[in-house]
Amino acid sequence: MARFWVCVAGAGFFLASLVLHSRFCGSPVLRNFAFQISWRSEKVAYRLDLDWPKYSDYFTGTTFCVTVDSLNGLVYVAQRGDNIPKVLVFTEDGYFLRAWNYTVDTPHGMFAASTLHEQSVWITDVGSGSYGHTVKKYNTFGDLVQVLGTPGKKGTGLNPLQFDNPAELYVDDTGDIYIVDGDGGLNNRLIKLSQDFMILWLHGQNGTGPAKFNIPHSVTLDSSGRVWVADRGNKRIQVFDKETGEWLGEWNNCFTEEGPSSVRFTPDGKYLIVAQLNLSRLSFLAAPPVGSIGDCSVISTIQLPDQVLPHLLEVDRKTGAIYVAEIGAKQVQKFVPLNSYLLSFGL
């Protein structure tokens, strides 16, 4: 059982703490999760959903990524391992529905594109087998619909398009696709594709300057038309205009210890949630206003147990729930907003 309490910790903020049971490494562990809440902003507070999923035994490999079909209330988890199902499908309540393993070699990132007209699941595959170094589109039952890249052959080419360890992608509601290609491979680039898979713009150089990357690991969009990239090796987030690809700025002052591995916005667009892998930490950063990038400001953090290693995360657009794929703990955990936060965006 979880216990909540709030205490005043100085004049500037509340400190809310949660003692909970974790499934880390399969054994009961009690941990303290601290949430710092600034007086200058709305409360950002979450609780761990101990009942998600209903049975954790379905996680039989190393869980690398998770995505949410908010329209249909489905959660997809991709895991690595031999002779195991690579993709697991759950309800948002944690009930297991089905699994599939077709044409998935070594999943790294995934994204559920869910609109009234189409529901699909995209997976980046970094495997060395016949399906590796590709970005693939599936229907909700695991049937392969589209393959981007040259299956089984890594490369730097653009015609035909080739990938080397593509890390993650984000599909806009318009159908445009944003891909970060280069989880330690030949490429360090951000590519925007149209819905018919034509290259609209790209940034593709290794380096530390503006619009250059060192392991671009995660990508997301905000409601203002900006593209946010977790430039993990450079310990920063870079921001671009989604229409033109123009470099708008960077955040690096929040990542002196370790670079970001995953980036996603809360449904109200007020906070950017960032995972830091080796620190086992989730941070809530204040989103900047339109027309300004400014400096990075940490509003709140969730400190996970040591060696949990949060790799990639996803946020449910309807409920605001956070799903975290943890490669150290080999599980996916769900964090649910407290009622005070849900009310802030009208749920």
Foldseek 3Di string as FASTA:
>chain_A
DKDWDWDDDDDFWIKIWIWDFDCFVNDTDTDIWIKTFGPVDFGFDWDWDPCAQVDFVLLPAFWAEKEAQLVQQKIWIAGDDPPHFGIWIAGVRNHTDDTHHPLAHAWHYKYWQYDPVATKMWTQHQDQDQSHQWIWIGHPVGHTDDIQAHGNDADPDVVRDTAHQWAYWDADNQQKIWTQGCQPTPWGKIFIAHNVGHTPDMQIADDQDFSHADRFHEWDAAPLQKIWTFRWVNQKIWIARNNRRHTDDIERPVRPPTTFQEWDAFLVRQWIWTAGFQQQKIWTWGQDDPPDRDYTDTRIMTGDDGQQGFHYWYANNPQRKIWTRGRRSSGIIIIGTDPSVSVVVPD
